[in-house]
């Protein structure tokens, strides 16, 4: 079988989980789990708007933007501020005709 890709959100199944799945449902079930995970990772890389992994605090940011015109997003490097902003702009452009 091919290797399992590392991903910051989709955690790898533990050895115990895989052994249990193998014992209960067989090798095809393990392969299906691997394939579904790898497909999700691939889709998130090729189409992050539709298949990405929104972070939990983005929902709170969306709630704030429903009531306010401005949102201050602080955070360090690699805290997903740019991704959230870009995702929001693209969603707004798609949702508003002639935008």
N, C-alpha and C. Protein backbone atom coordinates (compact mmCIF):
# COMPACT_ATOMS: atom_id res chain seq x y z
N UNK A 1 0.84 -1.18 0.00
CA UNK A 1 0.00 0.00 0.00
C UNK A 1 0.89 1.24 0.00
N UNK A 2 0.38 2.29 -0.60
CA UNK A 2 1.11 3.56 -0.64
C UNK A 2 1.18 4.16 0.76
N UNK A 3 2.01 5.16 0.91
CA UNK A 3 2.18 5.77 2.23
C UNK A 3 1.04 6.75 2.54
N UNK A 4 0.89 7.03 3.81
CA UNK A 4 -0.11 7.97 4.30
C UNK A 4 0.52 9.35 4.32
N UNK A 5 -0.12 10.32 3.69
CA UNK A 5 0.38 11.69 3.68
C UNK A 5 0.18 12.34 5.03
N UNK A 6 1.12 13.20 5.39
CA UNK A 6 0.96 13.98 6.62
C UNK A 6 0.02 15.15 6.30
N UNK A 7 -0.78 15.54 7.29
CA UNK A 7 -1.70 16.65 7.11
C UNK A 7 -1.94 17.28 8.48
N UNK A 8 -1.99 18.62 8.55
CA UNK A 8 -2.14 19.27 9.86
C UNK A 8 -3.52 19.09 10.49
N UNK A 9 -4.53 18.79 9.71
CA UNK A 9 -5.89 18.66 10.25
C UNK A 9 -6.35 17.21 10.23
N UNK A 10 -6.13 16.52 9.13
CA UNK A 10 -6.53 15.11 9.03
C UNK A 10 -5.45 14.24 9.66
N UNK A 11 -5.67 13.90 10.91
CA UNK A 11 -4.68 13.10 11.63
C UNK A 11 -4.64 11.68 11.09
N UNK A 12 -3.48 11.08 11.19
CA UNK A 12 -3.31 9.69 10.77
C UNK A 12 -4.03 8.77 11.73
N UNK A 13 -4.65 7.71 11.22
CA UNK A 13 -5.22 6.73 12.15
C UNK A 13 -4.09 6.05 12.92
N UNK A 14 -4.39 5.66 14.13
CA UNK A 14 -3.37 4.98 14.93
C UNK A 14 -3.20 3.54 14.42
N UNK A 15 -2.09 2.95 14.82
CA UNK A 15 -1.84 1.55 14.45
C UNK A 15 -2.96 0.67 14.99
N UNK A 16 -3.40 0.96 16.20
CA UNK A 16 -4.48 0.19 16.80
C UNK A 16 -5.79 0.31 16.04
N UNK A 17 -6.10 1.53 15.59
CA UNK A 17 -7.33 1.73 14.81
C UNK A 17 -7.27 0.95 13.50
N UNK A 18 -6.11 0.98 12.86
CA UNK A 18 -5.97 0.26 11.59
C UNK A 18 -6.05 -1.25 11.80
N UNK A 19 -5.43 -1.73 12.87
CA UNK A 19 -5.48 -3.17 13.15
C UNK A 19 -6.91 -3.61 13.43
N UNK A 20 -7.65 -2.80 14.18
CA UNK A 20 -9.04 -3.13 14.50
C UNK A 20 -9.88 -3.14 13.22
N UNK A 21 -9.71 -2.12 12.38
CA UNK A 21 -10.44 -2.06 11.11
C UNK A 21 -10.11 -3.26 10.23
N UNK A 22 -8.84 -3.59 10.16
CA UNK A 22 -8.41 -4.74 9.36
C UNK A 22 -9.04 -6.03 9.89
N UNK A 23 -9.04 -6.22 11.19
CA UNK A 23 -9.59 -7.43 11.79
C UNK A 23 -11.10 -7.52 11.60
N UNK A 24 -11.79 -6.38 11.71
CA UNK A 24 -13.25 -6.40 11.64
C UNK A 24 -13.80 -6.35 10.23
N UNK A 25 -13.11 -5.62 9.34
CA UNK A 25 -13.70 -5.40 8.02
C UNK A 25 -12.80 -5.76 6.85
N UNK A 26 -11.54 -6.05 7.12
CA UNK A 26 -10.65 -6.51 6.07
C UNK A 26 -9.80 -5.43 5.44
N UNK A 27 -8.92 -5.88 4.57
CA UNK A 27 -7.94 -5.00 3.94
C UNK A 27 -8.59 -3.95 3.05
N UNK A 28 -9.69 -4.30 2.40
CA UNK A 28 -10.36 -3.32 1.52
C UNK A 28 -10.84 -2.11 2.31
N UNK A 29 -11.32 -2.33 3.53
CA UNK A 29 -11.79 -1.23 4.36
C UNK A 29 -10.63 -0.29 4.73
N UNK A 30 -9.48 -0.87 5.04
CA UNK A 30 -8.30 -0.06 5.34
C UNK A 30 -7.91 0.75 4.10
N UNK A 31 -7.92 0.11 2.95
CA UNK A 31 -7.60 0.80 1.71
C UNK A 31 -8.60 1.93 1.45
N UNK A 32 -9.88 1.68 1.71
CA UNK A 32 -10.92 2.70 1.48
C UNK A 32 -10.71 3.92 2.38
N UNK A 33 -10.32 3.69 3.63
CA UNK A 33 -10.04 4.79 4.54
C UNK A 33 -8.84 5.58 4.04
N UNK A 34 -7.79 4.87 3.65
CA UNK A 34 -6.59 5.53 3.12
C UNK A 34 -6.95 6.37 1.89
N UNK A 35 -7.70 5.78 0.95
CA UNK A 35 -8.05 6.46 -0.31
C UNK A 35 -8.90 7.69 -0.03
N UNK A 36 -9.89 7.58 0.84
CA UNK A 36 -10.76 8.72 1.15
C UNK A 36 -9.95 9.86 1.76
N UNK A 37 -9.01 9.54 2.63
CA UNK A 37 -8.18 10.55 3.25
C UNK A 37 -7.25 11.21 2.24
N UNK A 38 -6.61 10.39 1.41
CA UNK A 38 -5.70 10.94 0.40
C UNK A 38 -6.47 11.79 -0.62
N UNK A 39 -7.68 11.36 -1.00
CA UNK A 39 -8.50 12.15 -1.92
C UNK A 39 -8.89 13.49 -1.30
N UNK A 40 -9.24 13.48 -0.02
CA UNK A 40 -9.61 14.73 0.67
C UNK A 40 -8.42 15.69 0.70
N UNK A 41 -7.24 15.18 0.94
CA UNK A 41 -6.04 16.01 0.96
C UNK A 41 -5.77 16.57 -0.43
N UNK A 42 -5.87 15.74 -1.44
CA UNK A 42 -5.64 16.18 -2.82
C UNK A 42 -6.63 17.26 -3.22
N UNK A 43 -7.90 17.03 -2.95
CA UNK A 43 -8.93 18.02 -3.29
C UNK A 43 -8.70 19.33 -2.55
N UNK A 44 -8.28 19.25 -1.29
CA UNK A 44 -8.05 20.48 -0.53
C UNK A 44 -6.89 21.29 -1.11
N UNK A 45 -5.96 20.61 -1.76
CA UNK A 45 -4.84 21.31 -2.38
C UNK A 45 -5.21 21.90 -3.74
N UNK A 46 -6.06 21.20 -4.50
CA UNK A 46 -6.41 21.68 -5.84
C UNK A 46 -7.60 22.62 -5.84
N UNK A 47 -8.49 22.51 -4.85
CA UNK A 47 -9.67 23.37 -4.78
C UNK A 47 -9.96 23.72 -3.32
N UNK A 48 -9.12 24.57 -2.73
CA UNK A 48 -9.27 24.86 -1.30
C UNK A 48 -10.56 25.59 -0.95
N UNK A 49 -11.14 26.33 -1.89
CA UNK A 49 -12.38 27.04 -1.59
C UNK A 49 -13.51 26.06 -1.30
N UNK A 50 -13.65 25.06 -2.13
CA UNK A 50 -14.75 24.10 -1.99
C UNK A 50 -14.41 22.87 -1.15
N UNK A 51 -13.12 22.55 -1.06
CA UNK A 51 -12.74 21.31 -0.37
C UNK A 51 -11.68 21.53 0.70
N UNK A 52 -11.46 22.78 1.06
CA UNK A 52 -10.47 23.06 2.09
C UNK A 52 -10.99 22.72 3.47
N UNK A 53 -10.22 23.04 4.46
CA UNK A 53 -10.56 22.73 5.83
C UNK A 53 -10.69 24.03 6.62
N UNK A 54 -11.91 24.57 6.68
CA UNK A 54 -12.09 25.83 7.43
C UNK A 54 -11.72 25.63 8.90
N UNK A 55 -11.06 26.59 9.45
CA UNK A 55 -10.67 26.51 10.85
C UNK A 55 -11.83 26.97 11.73
N UNK A 56 -11.88 26.46 12.94
CA UNK A 56 -13.02 26.72 13.82
C UNK A 56 -13.21 28.20 14.11
N UNK A 57 -12.14 28.95 14.24
CA UNK A 57 -12.28 30.37 14.56
C UNK A 57 -12.75 31.20 13.37
N UNK A 58 -12.73 30.66 12.16
CA UNK A 58 -13.25 31.38 11.01
C UNK A 58 -14.76 31.56 11.12
N UNK A 59 -15.44 30.60 11.73
CA UNK A 59 -16.89 30.72 11.92
C UNK A 59 -17.20 31.93 12.80
N UNK A 60 -16.43 32.13 13.86
CA UNK A 60 -16.62 33.29 14.73
C UNK A 60 -16.34 34.58 13.96
N UNK A 61 -15.33 34.58 13.12
CA UNK A 61 -15.02 35.75 12.31
C UNK A 61 -16.18 36.07 11.36
N UNK A 62 -16.77 35.05 10.77
CA UNK A 62 -17.93 35.25 9.89
C UNK A 62 -19.10 35.84 10.66
N UNK A 63 -19.32 35.36 11.89
CA UNK A 63 -20.40 35.90 12.72
C UNK A 63 -20.16 37.37 13.02
N UNK A 64 -18.91 37.74 13.33
CA UNK A 64 -18.59 39.13 13.60
C UNK A 64 -18.81 40.00 12.36
N UNK A 65 -18.41 39.49 11.20
CA UNK A 65 -18.58 40.27 9.97
C UNK A 65 -20.04 40.42 9.56
N UNK A 66 -20.91 39.59 10.07
CA UNK A 66 -22.34 39.75 9.80
C UNK A 66 -22.89 40.97 10.52
N UNK A 67 -22.21 41.40 11.58
CA UNK A 67 -22.68 42.54 12.38
C UNK A 67 -21.82 43.78 12.27
N UNK A 68 -20.60 43.64 11.75
CA UNK A 68 -19.67 44.76 11.68
C UNK A 68 -19.06 44.84 10.29
N UNK A 69 -18.61 46.03 9.92
CA UNK A 69 -18.00 46.24 8.60
C UNK A 69 -16.52 45.90 8.57
N UNK A 70 -15.88 45.88 9.73
CA UNK A 70 -14.44 45.70 9.80
C UNK A 70 -14.11 44.60 10.80
N UNK A 71 -13.10 43.84 10.47
CA UNK A 71 -12.63 42.79 11.36
C UNK A 71 -11.11 42.90 11.46
N UNK A 72 -10.61 42.98 12.67
CA UNK A 72 -9.16 42.99 12.89
C UNK A 72 -8.74 41.56 13.21
N UNK A 73 -7.90 41.00 12.37
CA UNK A 73 -7.44 39.62 12.56
C UNK A 73 -5.96 39.65 12.91
N UNK A 74 -5.67 39.43 14.17
CA UNK A 74 -4.27 39.41 14.59
C UNK A 74 -3.79 37.96 14.64
N UNK A 75 -2.51 37.80 14.63
CA UNK A 75 -1.94 36.46 14.70
C UNK A 75 -0.53 36.46 14.14
N UNK A 76 0.18 35.45 14.45
CA UNK A 76 1.56 35.33 13.99
C UNK A 76 1.65 34.76 12.59
N UNK A 77 2.87 34.45 12.20
CA UNK A 77 3.09 33.83 10.89
C UNK A 77 2.37 32.49 10.83
N UNK A 78 1.81 32.18 9.66
CA UNK A 78 1.15 30.90 9.40
C UNK A 78 -0.08 30.68 10.27
N UNK A 79 -0.78 31.78 10.61
CA UNK A 79 -1.99 31.65 11.43
C UNK A 79 -3.25 31.71 10.57
N UNK A 80 -3.10 31.67 9.25
CA UNK A 80 -4.20 31.57 8.29
C UNK A 80 -5.00 32.84 8.08
N UNK A 81 -4.44 33.98 8.45
CA UNK A 81 -5.15 35.25 8.22
C UNK A 81 -5.35 35.49 6.73
N UNK A 82 -4.33 35.32 5.94
CA UNK A 82 -4.43 35.56 4.50
C UNK A 82 -5.39 34.57 3.86
N UNK A 83 -5.33 33.32 4.26
CA UNK A 83 -6.23 32.32 3.69
C UNK A 83 -7.68 32.66 4.01
N UNK A 84 -7.95 33.07 5.25
CA UNK A 84 -9.31 33.45 5.62
C UNK A 84 -9.77 34.65 4.79
N UNK A 85 -8.91 35.65 4.66
CA UNK A 85 -9.28 36.84 3.89
C UNK A 85 -9.54 36.52 2.43
N UNK A 86 -8.66 35.76 1.82
CA UNK A 86 -8.84 35.40 0.41
C UNK A 86 -10.09 34.57 0.21
N UNK A 87 -10.32 33.63 1.09
CA UNK A 87 -11.50 32.78 1.01
C UNK A 87 -12.77 33.63 1.12
N UNK A 88 -12.75 34.60 2.03
CA UNK A 88 -13.92 35.46 2.22
C UNK A 88 -14.19 36.32 0.99
N UNK A 89 -13.14 36.86 0.39
CA UNK A 89 -13.31 37.69 -0.81
C UNK A 89 -13.86 36.86 -1.96
N UNK A 90 -13.33 35.67 -2.17
CA UNK A 90 -13.80 34.82 -3.26
C UNK A 90 -15.25 34.41 -3.02
N UNK A 91 -15.57 34.03 -1.79
CA UNK A 91 -16.96 33.67 -1.47
C UNK A 91 -17.91 34.84 -1.74
N UNK A 92 -17.49 36.04 -1.36
CA UNK A 92 -18.33 37.23 -1.57
C UNK A 92 -18.50 37.51 -3.06
N UNK A 93 -17.44 37.35 -3.83
CA UNK A 93 -17.51 37.59 -5.28
C UNK A 93 -18.44 36.58 -5.94
N UNK A 94 -18.38 35.33 -5.53
CA UNK A 94 -19.23 34.30 -6.11
C UNK A 94 -20.69 34.52 -5.71
N UNK A 95 -20.91 34.96 -4.47
CA UNK A 95 -22.27 35.12 -3.95
C UNK A 95 -22.99 36.37 -4.46
N UNK A 96 -22.23 37.35 -4.96
CA UNK A 96 -22.82 38.61 -5.40
C UNK A 96 -22.64 38.80 -6.90
N UNK A 97 -23.74 38.66 -7.65
CA UNK A 97 -23.64 38.83 -9.09
C UNK A 97 -23.01 40.17 -9.46
N UNK A 98 -22.24 40.17 -10.52
CA UNK A 98 -21.57 41.38 -11.03
C UNK A 98 -20.54 41.93 -10.05
N UNK A 99 -20.10 41.13 -9.11
CA UNK A 99 -19.10 41.61 -8.15
C UNK A 99 -17.72 41.58 -8.79
